[in-house]
Amino acid sequence: GTCTGLILMASRVDDSRVQSLNLLNIGVVRNSYGRQVDSFTAPLDLVLGGETVSLRGIFIRAPRISSVGSGTEVLGSLEGEPVMVQENHFLGCTFHPELSDSTAVHDYFVSMVKELEFAG
């Protein structure tokens, strides 16, 4: 889940109007980095499949991960705050990897799907 997808996947959301799918053991705050005019990019180092990958994170009215519960692994942070998490076969990002020049997040996701395909 990316941005809004992450919000829907979270187990705890700061907005009672949101009915989440409760797929990731995280808390989220909607639009926590500000309005559309406050959107920004930032360099990120992500740990994907045991390898560190650097890319430019694009944050557009991004949510903030306010808490990470047991079973959820932080794959990337920005200024000490999680921006990408994984729990089992679910991934969540507060940024938009599809707008980056890097395919690393997508490649990692495809490798996860292949792993599940062969395991099942």
C-alpha atoms as a PDB file:
ATOM      1  CA  GLY A   1       0.000   0.000   0.000  1.00  0.00           C
ATOM      2  CA  THR A   2       1.316   3.397  -0.991  1.00  0.00           C
ATOM      3  CA  CYS A   3       0.219   6.605   0.760  1.00  0.00           C
ATOM      4  CA  THR A   4      -3.586   6.186   0.966  1.00  0.00           C
ATOM      5  CA  GLY A   5      -3.119   2.431   0.550  1.00  0.00           C
ATOM      6  CA  LEU A   6      -0.912   2.450   3.651  1.00  0.00           C
ATOM      7  CA  ILE A   7      -3.633   4.292   5.573  1.00  0.00           C
ATOM      8  CA  LEU A   8      -6.197   1.660   4.579  1.00  0.00           C
ATOM      9  CA  MET A   9      -3.838  -1.173   5.572  1.00  0.00           C
ATOM     10  CA  ALA A  10      -3.052   0.246   9.035  1.00  0.00           C
ATOM     11  CA  SER A  11      -4.593  -1.190  12.181  1.00  0.00           C
ATOM     12  CA  ARG A  12      -4.870   2.267  13.804  1.00  0.00           C
ATOM     13  CA  VAL A  13      -5.794   5.475  11.949  1.00  0.00           C
ATOM     14  CA  ASP A  14      -6.171   8.942  13.503  1.00  0.00           C
ATOM     15  CA  ASP A  15      -9.406   9.553  11.561  1.00  0.00           C
ATOM     16  CA  SER A  16     -12.539   7.722  12.749  1.00  0.00           C
ATOM     17  CA  ARG A  17     -14.078   8.072   9.255  1.00  0.00           C
ATOM     18  CA  VAL A  18     -11.503   5.614   7.893  1.00  0.00           C
ATOM     19  CA  GLN A  19     -12.416   1.947   8.079  1.00  0.00           C
ATOM     20  CA  SER A  20      -9.088   0.208   7.753  1.00  0.00           C
ATOM     21  CA  LEU A  21      -8.356  -3.314   6.563  1.00  0.00           C
ATOM     22  CA  ASN A  22      -6.175  -3.970   9.638  1.00  0.00           C
ATOM     23  CA  LEU A  23      -3.385  -5.639   7.622  1.00  0.00           C
ATOM     24  CA  LEU A  24      -0.351  -3.862   9.120  1.00  0.00           C
ATOM     25  CA  ASN A  25       0.247  -3.504  12.852  1.00  0.00           C
ATOM     26  CA  ILE A  26       0.917   0.228  12.636  1.00  0.00           C
ATOM     27  CA  GLY A  27      -0.689   3.505  13.577  1.00  0.00           C
ATOM     28  CA  VAL A  28      -0.972   6.291  11.000  1.00  0.00           C
ATOM     29  CA  VAL A  29      -1.747   9.996  10.942  1.00  0.00           C
ATOM     30  CA  ARG A  30      -3.292  11.202   7.688  1.00  0.00           C
ATOM     31  CA  ASN A  31      -1.698  14.147   5.813  1.00  0.00           C
ATOM     32  CA  SER A  32       0.773  14.500   8.656  1.00  0.00           C
ATOM     33  CA  TYR A  33       3.495  16.196   6.615  1.00  0.00           C
ATOM     34  CA  GLY A  34       1.096  18.948   5.524  1.00  0.00           C
ATOM     35  CA  ARG A  35      -1.030  20.019   2.606  1.00  0.00           C
ATOM     36  CA  GLN A  36      -0.372  19.556  -1.116  1.00  0.00           C
ATOM     37  CA  VAL A  37       1.937  22.618  -1.164  1.00  0.00           C
ATOM     38  CA  ASP A  38       4.053  20.959   1.546  1.00  0.00           C
ATOM     39  CA  SER A  39       4.860  17.928  -0.627  1.00  0.00           C
ATOM     40  CA  PHE A  40       8.591  17.179  -0.872  1.00  0.00           C
ATOM     41  CA  THR A  41      11.285  14.757  -1.961  1.00  0.00           C
ATOM     42  CA  ALA A  42      14.010  13.311   0.240  1.00  0.00           C
ATOM     43  CA  PRO A  43      16.828  10.782  -0.131  1.00  0.00           C
ATOM     44  CA  LEU A  44      15.971   7.422   1.435  1.00  0.00           C
ATOM     45  CA  ASP A  45      17.949   4.308   2.270  1.00  0.00           C
ATOM     46  CA  LEU A  46      15.756   1.211   2.299  1.00  0.00           C
ATOM     47  CA  VAL A  47      16.694  -2.308   3.340  1.00  0.00           C
ATOM     48  CA  LEU A  48      15.081  -4.607   0.789  1.00  0.00           C
ATOM     49  CA  GLY A  49      15.877  -8.303   0.912  1.00  0.00           C
ATOM     50  CA  GLY A  50      18.938  -7.692   3.074  1.00  0.00           C
ATOM     51  CA  GLU A  51      20.414  -5.104   0.677  1.00  0.00           C
ATOM     52  CA  THR A  52      20.469  -1.351   1.201  1.00  0.00           C
ATOM     53  CA  VAL A  53      18.978   0.577  -1.691  1.00  0.00           C
ATOM     54  CA  SER A  54      19.103   4.365  -2.040  1.00  0.00           C
ATOM     55  CA  LEU A  55      16.354   6.266  -3.838  1.00  0.00           C
ATOM     56  CA  ARG A  56      14.549   9.567  -3.808  1.00  0.00           C
ATOM     57  CA  GLY A  57      11.310   9.381  -1.833  1.00  0.00           C
ATOM     58  CA  ILE A  58       8.435  11.498  -3.127  1.00  0.00           C
ATOM     59  CA  PHE A  59       6.027  12.534  -0.366  1.00  0.00           C
ATOM     60  CA  ILE A  60       2.682  13.988  -1.491  1.00  0.00           C
ATOM     61  CA  ARG A  61       0.293  14.863   1.366  1.00  0.00           C
ATOM     62  CA  ALA A  62       1.922  11.878   2.995  1.00  0.00           C
ATOM     63  CA  PRO A  63       0.720  10.050   6.073  1.00  0.00           C
ATOM     64  CA  ARG A  64       3.069   9.568   8.995  1.00  0.00           C
ATOM     65  CA  ILE A  65       3.560   6.186  10.648  1.00  0.00           C
ATOM     66  CA  SER A  66       3.004   7.068  14.296  1.00  0.00           C
ATOM     67  CA  SER A  67       3.590   3.628  15.812  1.00  0.00           C
ATOM     68  CA  VAL A  68       4.941   0.242  14.765  1.00  0.00           C
ATOM     69  CA  GLY A  69       3.674  -2.843  16.555  1.00  0.00           C
ATOM     70  CA  SER A  70       5.048  -6.330  16.935  1.00  0.00           C
ATOM     71  CA  GLY A  71       5.496  -8.334  13.777  1.00  0.00           C
ATOM     72  CA  THR A  72       6.040  -5.256  11.619  1.00  0.00           C
ATOM     73  CA  GLU A  73       9.530  -4.535  10.313  1.00  0.00           C
ATOM     74  CA  VAL A  74      10.738  -1.051   9.399  1.00  0.00           C
ATOM     75  CA  LEU A  75      12.440  -1.153   5.978  1.00  0.00           C
ATOM     76  CA  GLY A  76      13.153   2.565   5.694  1.00  0.00           C
ATOM     77  CA  SER A  77      13.113   5.741   7.764  1.00  0.00           C
ATOM     78  CA  LEU A  78      13.279   9.473   7.255  1.00  0.00           C
ATOM     79  CA  GLU A  79      14.769  11.510  10.086  1.00  0.00           C
ATOM     80  CA  GLY A  80      14.216   8.592  12.459  1.00  0.00           C
ATOM     81  CA  GLU A  81      10.571   8.021  11.511  1.00  0.00           C
ATOM     82  CA  PRO A  82       9.443   4.922   9.589  1.00  0.00           C
ATOM     83  CA  VAL A  83       8.408   5.510   5.968  1.00  0.00           C
ATOM     84  CA  MET A  84       8.321   1.909   4.711  1.00  0.00           C
ATOM     85  CA  VAL A  85       7.238  -1.188   6.609  1.00  0.00           C
ATOM     86  CA  GLN A  86       6.616  -4.871   6.005  1.00  0.00           C
ATOM     87  CA  GLU A  87       4.523  -7.380   7.883  1.00  0.00           C
ATOM     88  CA  ASN A  88       4.489 -10.873   6.432  1.00  0.00           C
ATOM     89  CA  HIS A  89       3.610 -10.400   2.748  1.00  0.00           C
ATOM     90  CA  PHE A  90       2.264  -6.850   3.125  1.00  0.00           C
ATOM     91  CA  LEU A  91       4.309  -3.736   2.285  1.00  0.00           C
ATOM     92  CA  GLY A  92       3.428  -0.168   3.155  1.00  0.00           C
ATOM     93  CA  CYS A  93       5.037   3.137   2.090  1.00  0.00           C
ATOM     94  CA  THR A  94       4.281   6.712   3.084  1.00  0.00           C
ATOM     95  CA  PHE A  95       5.995   7.890  -0.112  1.00  0.00           C
ATOM     96  CA  HIS A  96       5.307   7.174  -3.804  1.00  0.00           C
ATOM     97  CA  PRO A  97       7.883   4.684  -5.165  1.00  0.00           C
ATOM     98  CA  GLU A  98       6.072   4.607  -8.516  1.00  0.00           C
ATOM     99  CA  LEU A  99       7.118   8.226  -9.130  1.00  0.00           C
ATOM    100  CA  SER A 100      10.792   7.558  -8.438  1.00  0.00           C
ATOM    101  CA  ASP A 101      13.399   6.780 -11.081  1.00  0.00           C
ATOM    102  CA  SER A 102      14.159   3.587  -9.145  1.00  0.00           C
ATOM    103  CA  THR A 103      12.327   0.279  -9.588  1.00  0.00           C
ATOM    104  CA  ALA A 104      13.837  -1.173  -6.387  1.00  0.00           C
ATOM    105  CA  VAL A 105      10.600  -1.192  -4.360  1.00  0.00           C
ATOM    106  CA  HIS A 106       8.667  -2.760  -7.230  1.00  0.00           C
ATOM    107  CA  ASP A 107      11.419  -5.318  -7.823  1.00  0.00           C
ATOM    108  CA  TYR A 108      11.297  -6.242  -4.138  1.00  0.00           C
ATOM    109  CA  PHE A 109       7.517  -6.587  -4.261  1.00  0.00           C
ATOM    110  CA  VAL A 110       7.749  -8.858  -7.323  1.00  0.00           C
ATOM    111  CA  SER A 111      10.336 -11.009  -5.513  1.00  0.00           C
ATOM    112  CA  MET A 112       7.905 -11.321  -2.572  1.00  0.00           C
ATOM    113  CA  VAL A 113       5.116 -12.450  -4.926  1.00  0.00           C
ATOM    114  CA  LYS A 114       7.415 -15.002  -6.580  1.00  0.00           C
ATOM    115  CA  GLU A 115       8.408 -16.332  -3.164  1.00  0.00           C
ATOM    116  CA  LEU A 116       4.754 -16.774  -2.183  1.00  0.00           C
ATOM    117  CA  GLU A 117       3.971 -18.404  -5.532  1.00  0.00           C
ATOM    118  CA  PHE A 118       6.629 -21.073  -5.011  1.00  0.00           C
ATOM    119  CA  ALA A 119       5.791 -21.534  -1.332  1.00  0.00           C
ATOM    120  CA  GLY A 120       2.081 -22.141  -1.971  1.00  0.00           C
END
